[in-house]
Amino acid sequence: MNGHFSAQSSTSSRLEPYVPQPVELAGYGLVDLAAGYAWEEARITAYATNLFDKEYFLYEYGPGAMATLGDRREVGIRLDDRF
């Protein structure tokens, strides 16, 4: 079993000379978890990324304009097999 926490402090989205008021993006924290079991030839892993489905912006052009959202929660099971 493993887990990962990543944090991003608030930051400006656009640092360009002609932008008088850069858009300030809020800080956020993300939690990822994974747990699995392995045999001689196979491994099964259950995982979750962005466990708490935190909505966060990676980029924002301006208020009410284009923006890029970060990844949503993903939950899954993966099976790896060697043959």
PDB file of N, CA and C in Angstrom:
ATOM      1  N   MET A   1       0.859  -1.179   0.000  1.00  0.00           N
ATOM      2  CA  MET A   1       0.000   0.000   0.000  1.00  0.00           C
ATOM      3  C   MET A   1       0.899   1.233   0.000  1.00  0.00           C
ATOM      4  N   ASN A   2       0.503   2.228  -0.759  1.00  0.00           N
ATOM      5  CA  ASN A   2       1.246   3.477  -0.734  1.00  0.00           C
ATOM      6  C   ASN A   2       0.300   4.652  -0.925  1.00  0.00           C
ATOM      7  N   GLY A   3       0.745   5.807  -0.521  1.00  0.00           N
ATOM      8  CA  GLY A   3      -0.036   7.031  -0.658  1.00  0.00           C
ATOM      9  C   GLY A   3       0.873   8.181  -1.038  1.00  0.00           C
ATOM     10  N   HIS A   4       0.256   9.197  -1.571  1.00  0.00           N
ATOM     11  CA  HIS A   4       1.023  10.361  -2.018  1.00  0.00           C
ATOM     12  C   HIS A   4       0.174  11.608  -1.817  1.00  0.00           C
ATOM     13  N   PHE A   5       0.768  12.625  -1.213  1.00  0.00           N
ATOM     14  CA  PHE A   5       0.104  13.911  -1.054  1.00  0.00           C
ATOM     15  C   PHE A   5       0.954  14.959  -1.762  1.00  0.00           C
ATOM     16  N   SER A   6       0.342  15.749  -2.624  1.00  0.00           N
ATOM     17  CA  SER A   6       1.068  16.838  -3.282  1.00  0.00           C
ATOM     18  C   SER A   6       0.321  18.143  -3.024  1.00  0.00           C
ATOM     19  N   ALA A   7       1.068  19.198  -2.867  1.00  0.00           N
ATOM     20  CA  ALA A   7       0.480  20.509  -2.580  1.00  0.00           C
ATOM     21  C   ALA A   7       1.049  21.560  -3.524  1.00  0.00           C
ATOM     22  N   GLN A   8       0.206  22.478  -3.910  1.00  0.00           N
ATOM     23  CA  GLN A   8       0.599  23.601  -4.762  1.00  0.00           C
ATOM     24  C   GLN A   8       0.104  24.877  -4.089  1.00  0.00           C
ATOM     25  N   SER A   9       0.995  25.804  -3.837  1.00  0.00           N
ATOM     26  CA  SER A   9       0.573  27.069  -3.239  1.00  0.00           C
ATOM     27  C   SER A   9      -0.082  27.932  -4.311  1.00  0.00           C
ATOM     28  N   SER A  10      -0.719  29.004  -3.882  1.00  0.00           N
ATOM     29  CA  SER A  10      -1.362  29.903  -4.852  1.00  0.00           C
ATOM     30  C   SER A  10      -0.296  30.497  -5.770  1.00  0.00           C
ATOM     31  N   THR A  11      -0.720  30.778  -6.986  1.00  0.00           N
ATOM     32  CA  THR A  11       0.211  31.285  -7.993  1.00  0.00           C
ATOM     33  C   THR A  11      -0.531  32.146  -9.004  1.00  0.00           C
ATOM     34  N   SER A  12       0.190  32.958  -9.736  1.00  0.00           N
ATOM     35  CA  SER A  12      -0.415  33.763 -10.796  1.00  0.00           C
ATOM     36  C   SER A  12      -0.509  32.937 -12.067  1.00  0.00           C
ATOM     37  N   SER A  13      -1.638  33.054 -12.755  1.00  0.00           N
ATOM     38  CA  SER A  13      -1.840  32.285 -13.978  1.00  0.00           C
ATOM     39  C   SER A  13      -1.111  32.901 -15.159  1.00  0.00           C
ATOM     40  N   ARG A  14      -1.101  34.210 -15.243  1.00  0.00           N
ATOM     41  CA  ARG A  14      -0.495  34.891 -16.396  1.00  0.00           C
ATOM     42  C   ARG A  14       0.461  35.966 -15.916  1.00  0.00           C
ATOM     43  N   LEU A  15       1.691  35.852 -16.311  1.00  0.00           N
ATOM     44  CA  LEU A  15       2.689  36.865 -15.973  1.00  0.00           C
ATOM     45  C   LEU A  15       3.177  37.494 -17.267  1.00  0.00           C
ATOM     46  N   GLU A  16       2.345  38.357 -17.819  1.00  0.00           N
ATOM     47  CA  GLU A  16       2.678  39.018 -19.079  1.00  0.00           C
ATOM     48  C   GLU A  16       2.647  40.522 -18.861  1.00  0.00           C
ATOM     49  N   PRO A  17       3.493  41.255 -19.546  1.00  0.00           N
ATOM     50  CA  PRO A  17       3.608  42.695 -19.294  1.00  0.00           C
ATOM     51  C   PRO A  17       2.320  43.485 -19.528  1.00  0.00           C
ATOM     52  N   TYR A  18       1.486  43.073 -20.456  1.00  0.00           N
ATOM     53  CA  TYR A  18       0.280  43.850 -20.774  1.00  0.00           C
ATOM     54  C   TYR A  18      -0.947  43.403 -19.969  1.00  0.00           C
ATOM     55  N   VAL A  19      -0.793  42.501 -19.011  1.00  0.00           N
ATOM     56  CA  VAL A  19      -1.903  42.067 -18.158  1.00  0.00           C
ATOM     57  C   VAL A  19      -1.803  42.844 -16.842  1.00  0.00           C
ATOM     58  N   PRO A  20      -2.688  43.835 -16.646  1.00  0.00           N
ATOM     59  CA  PRO A  20      -2.562  44.681 -15.452  1.00  0.00           C
ATOM     60  C   PRO A  20      -2.855  43.945 -14.152  1.00  0.00           C
ATOM     61  N   GLN A  21      -3.798  43.022 -14.164  1.00  0.00           N
ATOM     62  CA  GLN A  21      -4.176  42.278 -12.962  1.00  0.00           C
ATOM     63  C   GLN A  21      -4.098  40.775 -13.258  1.00  0.00           C
ATOM     64  N   PRO A  22      -2.962  40.123 -13.031  1.00  0.00           N
ATOM     65  CA  PRO A  22      -2.877  38.687 -13.297  1.00  0.00           C
ATOM     66  C   PRO A  22      -3.893  37.915 -12.447  1.00  0.00           C
ATOM     67  N   VAL A  23      -4.424  36.845 -13.007  1.00  0.00           N
ATOM     68  CA  VAL A  23      -5.379  36.005 -12.286  1.00  0.00           C
ATOM     69  C   VAL A  23      -4.620  35.184 -11.254  1.00  0.00           C
ATOM     70  N   GLU A  24      -5.097  35.204 -10.031  1.00  0.00           N
ATOM     71  CA  GLU A  24      -4.474  34.449  -8.949  1.00  0.00           C
ATOM     72  C   GLU A  24      -5.176  33.094  -8.831  1.00  0.00           C
ATOM     73  N   LEU A  25      -4.418  32.021  -9.010  1.00  0.00           N
ATOM     74  CA  LEU A  25      -4.963  30.676  -8.862  1.00  0.00           C
ATOM     75  C   LEU A  25      -4.798  30.241  -7.414  1.00  0.00           C
ATOM     76  N   ALA A  26      -5.858  29.672  -6.855  1.00  0.00           N
ATOM     77  CA  ALA A  26      -5.829  29.217  -5.462  1.00  0.00           C
ATOM     78  C   ALA A  26      -4.923  27.999  -5.304  1.00  0.00           C
ATOM     79  N   GLY A  27      -4.334  27.850  -4.138  1.00  0.00           N
ATOM     80  CA  GLY A  27      -3.538  26.668  -3.833  1.00  0.00           C
ATOM     81  C   GLY A  27      -4.442  25.457  -3.632  1.00  0.00           C
ATOM     82  N   TYR A  28      -3.862  24.282  -3.719  1.00  0.00           N
ATOM     83  CA  TYR A  28      -4.642  23.049  -3.547  1.00  0.00           C
ATOM     84  C   TYR A  28      -3.732  21.916  -3.097  1.00  0.00           C
ATOM     85  N   GLY A  29      -4.352  20.874  -2.574  1.00  0.00           N
ATOM     86  CA  GLY A  29      -3.641  19.660  -2.181  1.00  0.00           C
ATOM     87  C   GLY A  29      -4.364  18.458  -2.762  1.00  0.00           C
ATOM     88  N   LEU A  30      -3.608  17.463  -3.204  1.00  0.00           N
ATOM     89  CA  LEU A  30      -4.179  16.263  -3.809  1.00  0.00           C
ATOM     90  C   LEU A  30      -3.675  15.022  -3.086  1.00  0.00           C
ATOM     91  N   VAL A  31      -4.548  14.013  -2.967  1.00  0.00           N
ATOM     92  CA  VAL A  31      -4.198  12.751  -2.323  1.00  0.00           C
ATOM     93  C   VAL A  31      -4.397  11.618  -3.322  1.00  0.00           C
ATOM     94  N   ASP A  32      -3.368  10.774  -3.473  1.00  0.00           N
ATOM     95  CA  ASP A  32      -3.434   9.574  -4.299  1.00  0.00           C
ATOM     96  C   ASP A  32      -3.146   8.369  -3.403  1.00  0.00           C
ATOM     97  N   LEU A  33      -3.867   7.273  -3.626  1.00  0.00           N
ATOM     98  CA  LEU A  33      -3.654   6.043  -2.861  1.00  0.00           C
ATOM     99  C   LEU A  33      -3.618   4.850  -3.796  1.00  0.00           C
ATOM    100  N   ALA A  34      -2.880   3.822  -3.409  1.00  0.00           N
ATOM    101  CA  ALA A  34      -2.842   2.574  -4.167  1.00  0.00           C
ATOM    102  C   ALA A  34      -2.551   1.432  -3.199  1.00  0.00           C
ATOM    103  N   ALA A  35      -3.189   0.295  -3.456  1.00  0.00           N
ATOM    104  CA  ALA A  35      -2.952  -0.913  -2.668  1.00  0.00           C
ATOM    105  C   ALA A  35      -3.039  -2.100  -3.617  1.00  0.00           C
ATOM    106  N   GLY A  36      -2.188  -3.094  -3.387  1.00  0.00           N
ATOM    107  CA  GLY A  36      -2.204  -4.227  -4.300  1.00  0.00           C
ATOM    108  C   GLY A  36      -1.671  -5.490  -3.671  1.00  0.00           C
ATOM    109  N   TYR A  37      -1.707  -6.533  -4.481  1.00  0.00           N
ATOM    110  CA  TYR A  37      -1.204  -7.841  -4.075  1.00  0.00           C
ATOM    111  C   TYR A  37      -0.495  -8.451  -5.277  1.00  0.00           C
ATOM    112  N   ALA A  38       0.646  -9.097  -5.019  1.00  0.00           N
ATOM    113  CA  ALA A  38       1.418  -9.679  -6.111  1.00  0.00           C
ATOM    114  C   ALA A  38       1.609 -11.178  -5.900  1.00  0.00           C
ATOM    115  N   TRP A  39       1.533 -11.909  -7.003  1.00  0.00           N
ATOM    116  CA  TRP A  39       1.870 -13.327  -7.049  1.00  0.00           C
ATOM    117  C   TRP A  39       3.170 -13.451  -7.818  1.00  0.00           C
ATOM    118  N   GLU A  40       3.578 -14.676  -8.157  1.00  0.00           N
ATOM    119  CA  GLU A  40       4.817 -14.866  -8.908  1.00  0.00           C
ATOM    120  C   GLU A  40       4.760 -14.217 -10.290  1.00  0.00           C
ATOM    121  N   GLU A  41       3.662 -14.353 -10.988  1.00  0.00           N
ATOM    122  CA  GLU A  41       3.562 -13.868 -12.360  1.00  0.00           C
ATOM    123  C   GLU A  41       2.562 -12.716 -12.547  1.00  0.00           C
ATOM    124  N   ALA A  42       1.818 -12.368 -11.516  1.00  0.00           N
ATOM    125  CA  ALA A  42       0.754 -11.376 -11.688  1.00  0.00           C
ATOM    126  C   ALA A  42       0.707 -10.426 -10.497  1.00  0.00           C
ATOM    127  N   ARG A  43       0.050  -9.310 -10.731  1.00  0.00           N
ATOM    128  CA  ARG A  43      -0.133  -8.311  -9.685  1.00  0.00           C
ATOM    129  C   ARG A  43      -1.474  -7.622  -9.932  1.00  0.00           C
ATOM    130  N   ILE A  44      -2.229  -7.391  -8.865  1.00  0.00           N
ATOM    131  CA  ILE A  44      -3.485  -6.642  -8.963  1.00  0.00           C
ATOM    132  C   ILE A  44      -3.370  -5.426  -8.047  1.00  0.00           C
ATOM    133  N   THR A  45      -3.786  -4.277  -8.559  1.00  0.00           N
ATOM    134  CA  THR A  45      -3.655  -3.023  -7.820  1.00  0.00           C
ATOM    135  C   THR A  45      -4.961  -2.231  -7.909  1.00  0.00           C
ATOM    136  N   ALA A  46      -5.463  -1.776  -6.774  1.00  0.00           N
ATOM    137  CA  ALA A  46      -6.592  -0.841  -6.729  1.00  0.00           C
ATOM    138  C   ALA A  46      -5.994   0.529  -6.437  1.00  0.00           C
ATOM    139  N   TYR A  47      -6.486   1.551  -7.138  1.00  0.00           N
ATOM    140  CA  TYR A  47      -5.883   2.876  -6.986  1.00  0.00           C
ATOM    141  C   TYR A  47      -6.949   3.969  -7.057  1.00  0.00           C
ATOM    142  N   ALA A  48      -6.595   5.117  -6.521  1.00  0.00           N
ATOM    143  CA  ALA A  48      -7.432   6.324  -6.618  1.00  0.00           C
ATOM    144  C   ALA A  48      -6.501   7.519  -6.734  1.00  0.00           C
ATOM    145  N   THR A  49      -6.731   8.354  -7.735  1.00  0.00           N
ATOM    146  CA  THR A  49      -5.996   9.611  -7.874  1.00  0.00           C
ATOM    147  C   THR A  49      -6.979  10.755  -7.620  1.00  0.00           C
ATOM    148  N   ASN A  50      -6.493  11.826  -7.025  1.00  0.00           N
ATOM    149  CA  ASN A  50      -7.347  12.947  -6.610  1.00  0.00           C
ATOM    150  C   ASN A  50      -8.523  12.392  -5.802  1.00  0.00           C
ATOM    151  N   LEU A  51      -8.195  11.640  -4.774  1.00  0.00           N
ATOM    152  CA  LEU A  51      -9.163  10.882  -3.970  1.00  0.00           C
ATOM    153  C   LEU A  51     -10.374  11.694  -3.532  1.00  0.00           C
ATOM    154  N   PHE A  52     -10.207  12.933  -3.156  1.00  0.00           N
ATOM    155  CA  PHE A  52     -11.317  13.742  -2.651  1.00  0.00           C
ATOM    156  C   PHE A  52     -11.958  14.600  -3.740  1.00  0.00           C
ATOM    157  N   ASP A  53     -11.647  14.324  -5.006  1.00  0.00           N
ATOM    158  CA  ASP A  53     -12.224  14.993  -6.175  1.00  0.00           C
ATOM    159  C   ASP A  53     -12.132  16.519  -6.054  1.00  0.00           C
ATOM    160  N   LYS A  54     -10.946  16.996  -5.695  1.00  0.00           N
ATOM    161  CA  LYS A  54     -10.702  18.432  -5.553  1.00  0.00           C
ATOM    162  C   LYS A  54     -10.725  19.100  -6.930  1.00  0.00           C
ATOM    163  N   GLU A  55     -11.523  20.151  -7.080  1.00  0.00           N
ATOM    164  CA  GLU A  55     -11.541  20.918  -8.324  1.00  0.00           C
ATOM    165  C   GLU A  55     -10.503  22.029  -8.212  1.00  0.00           C
ATOM    166  N   TYR A  56      -9.600  22.077  -9.173  1.00  0.00           N
ATOM    167  CA  TYR A  56      -8.537  23.079  -9.141  1.00  0.00           C
ATOM    168  C   TYR A  56      -8.184  23.498 -10.572  1.00  0.00           C
ATOM    169  N   PHE A  57      -7.698  24.719 -10.690  1.00  0.00           N
ATOM    170  CA  PHE A  57      -7.335  25.269 -11.988  1.00  0.00           C
ATOM    171  C   PHE A  57      -5.825  25.187 -12.197  1.00  0.00           C
ATOM    172  N   LEU A  58      -5.433  24.777 -13.386  1.00  0.00           N
ATOM    173  CA  LEU A  58      -4.028  24.796 -13.779  1.00  0.00           C
ATOM    174  C   LEU A  58      -3.687  26.090 -14.508  1.00  0.00           C
ATOM    175  N   TYR A  59      -4.707  26.692 -15.147  1.00  0.00           N
ATOM    176  CA  TYR A  59      -4.519  27.919 -15.911  1.00  0.00           C
ATOM    177  C   TYR A  59      -5.859  28.628 -16.005  1.00  0.00           C
ATOM    178  N   GLU A  60      -5.838  29.931 -15.970  1.00  0.00           N
ATOM    179  CA  GLU A  60      -7.059  30.717 -16.189  1.00  0.00           C
ATOM    180  C   GLU A  60      -6.670  31.994 -16.926  1.00  0.00           C
ATOM    181  N   TYR A  61      -7.285  32.205 -18.080  1.00  0.00           N
ATOM    182  CA  TYR A  61      -6.982  33.357 -18.916  1.00  0.00           C
ATOM    183  C   TYR A  61      -7.477  34.650 -18.272  1.00  0.00           C
ATOM    184  N   GLY A  62      -8.646  34.587 -17.672  1.00  0.00           N
ATOM    185  CA  GLY A  62      -9.229  35.750 -17.010  1.00  0.00           C
ATOM    186  C   GLY A  62     -10.577  35.372 -16.435  1.00  0.00           C
ATOM    187  N   PRO A  63     -11.163  36.200 -15.584  1.00  0.00           N
ATOM    188  CA  PRO A  63     -12.475  35.896 -15.005  1.00  0.00           C
ATOM    189  C   PRO A  63     -13.528  35.674 -16.091  1.00  0.00           C
ATOM    190  N   GLY A  64     -14.186  34.549 -16.050  1.00  0.00           N
ATOM    191  CA  GLY A  64     -15.227  34.228 -17.025  1.00  0.00           C
ATOM    192  C   GLY A  64     -14.691  33.879 -18.398  1.00  0.00           C
ATOM    193  N   ALA A  65     -13.383  33.654 -18.509  1.00  0.00           N
ATOM    194  CA  ALA A  65     -12.772  33.333 -19.809  1.00  0.00           C
ATOM    195  C   ALA A  65     -12.243  31.901 -19.783  1.00  0.00           C
ATOM    196  N   MET A  66     -11.393  31.583 -20.730  1.00  0.00           N
ATOM    197  CA  MET A  66     -10.838  30.235 -20.836  1.00  0.00           C
ATOM    198  C   MET A  66     -10.105  29.836 -19.564  1.00  0.00           C
ATOM    199  N   ALA A  67     -10.208  28.541 -19.240  1.00  0.00           N
ATOM    200  CA  ALA A  67      -9.505  28.003 -18.082  1.00  0.00           C
ATOM    201  C   ALA A  67      -9.214  26.530 -18.323  1.00  0.00           C
ATOM    202  N   THR A  68      -8.214  26.012 -17.632  1.00  0.00           N
ATOM    203  CA  THR A  68      -7.872  24.593 -17.693  1.00  0.00           C
ATOM    204  C   THR A  68      -8.008  24.017 -16.298  1.00  0.00           C
ATOM    205  N   LEU A  69      -8.908  23.054 -16.155  1.00  0.00           N
ATOM    206  CA  LEU A  69      -9.095  22.380 -14.877  1.00  0.00           C
ATOM    207  C   LEU A  69      -8.093  21.246 -14.738  1.00  0.00           C
ATOM    208  N   GLY A  70      -7.721  20.944 -13.497  1.00  0.00           N
ATOM    209  CA  GLY A  70      -6.867  19.793 -13.235  1.00  0.00           C
ATOM    210  C   GLY A  70      -7.666  18.497 -13.362  1.00  0.00           C
ATOM    211  N   ASP A  71      -6.966  17.391 -13.301  1.00  0.00           N
ATOM    212  CA  ASP A  71      -7.606  16.080 -13.450  1.00  0.00           C
ATOM    213  C   ASP A  71      -8.611  15.808 -12.340  1.00  0.00           C
ATOM    214  N   ARG A  72      -9.720  15.149 -12.711  1.00  0.00           N
ATOM    215  CA  ARG A  72     -10.740  14.756 -11.745  1.00  0.00           C
ATOM    216  C   ARG A  72     -10.330  13.474 -11.051  1.00  0.00           C
ATOM    217  N   ARG A  73     -11.131  13.039 -10.123  1.00  0.00           N
ATOM    218  CA  ARG A  73     -10.862  11.786  -9.421  1.00  0.00           C
ATOM    219  C   ARG A  73     -10.917  10.627 -10.407  1.00  0.00           C
ATOM    220  N   GLU A  74     -10.001   9.692 -10.249  1.00  0.00           N
ATOM    221  CA  GLU A  74     -10.006   8.459 -11.027  1.00  0.00           C
ATOM    222  C   GLU A  74      -9.815   7.303 -10.063  1.00  0.00           C
ATOM    223  N   VAL A  75     -10.703   6.319 -10.153  1.00  0.00           N
ATOM    224  CA  VAL A  75     -10.632   5.134  -9.311  1.00  0.00           C
ATOM    225  C   VAL A  75     -10.624   3.930 -10.243  1.00  0.00           C
ATOM    226  N   GLY A  76      -9.743   2.970  -9.978  1.00  0.00           N
ATOM    227  CA  GLY A  76      -9.683   1.825 -10.872  1.00  0.00           C
ATOM    228  C   GLY A  76      -8.964   0.638 -10.270  1.00  0.00           C
ATOM    229  N   ILE A  77      -8.990  -0.440 -11.027  1.00  0.00           N
ATOM    230  CA  ILE A  77      -8.276  -1.668 -10.676  1.00  0.00           C
ATOM    231  C   ILE A  77      -7.436  -2.046 -11.886  1.00  0.00           C
ATOM    232  N   ARG A  78      -6.188  -2.367 -11.645  1.00  0.00           N
ATOM    233  CA  ARG A  78      -5.270  -2.719 -12.722  1.00  0.00           C
ATOM    234  C   ARG A  78      -4.741  -4.137 -12.465  1.00  0.00           C
ATOM    235  N   LEU A  79      -4.681  -4.937 -13.518  1.00  0.00           N
ATOM    236  CA  LEU A  79      -4.126  -6.292 -13.440  1.00  0.00           C
ATOM    237  C   LEU A  79      -2.930  -6.364 -14.379  1.00  0.00           C
ATOM    238  N   ASP A  80      -1.773  -6.710 -13.836  1.00  0.00           N
ATOM    239  CA  ASP A  80      -0.556  -6.891 -14.632  1.00  0.00           C
ATOM    240  C   ASP A  80      -0.194  -8.368 -14.579  1.00  0.00           C
ATOM    241  N   ASP A  81       0.145  -8.933 -15.747  1.00  0.00           N
ATOM    242  CA  ASP A  81       0.499 -10.349 -15.828  1.00  0.00           C
ATOM    243  C   ASP A  81       1.695 -10.517 -16.752  1.00  0.00           C
ATOM    244  N   ARG A  82       2.632 -11.357 -16.381  1.00  0.00           N
ATOM    245  CA  ARG A  82       3.782 -11.677 -17.230  1.00  0.00           C
ATOM    246  C   ARG A  82       3.622 -13.088 -17.752  1.00  0.00           C
ATOM    247  N   PHE A  83       3.856 -13.255 -19.042  1.00  0.00           N
ATOM    248  CA  PHE A  83       3.790 -14.604 -19.621  1.00  0.00           C
ATOM    249  C   PHE A  83       4.814 -14.773 -20.698  1.00  0.00           C
TER     250      PHE A  83
END
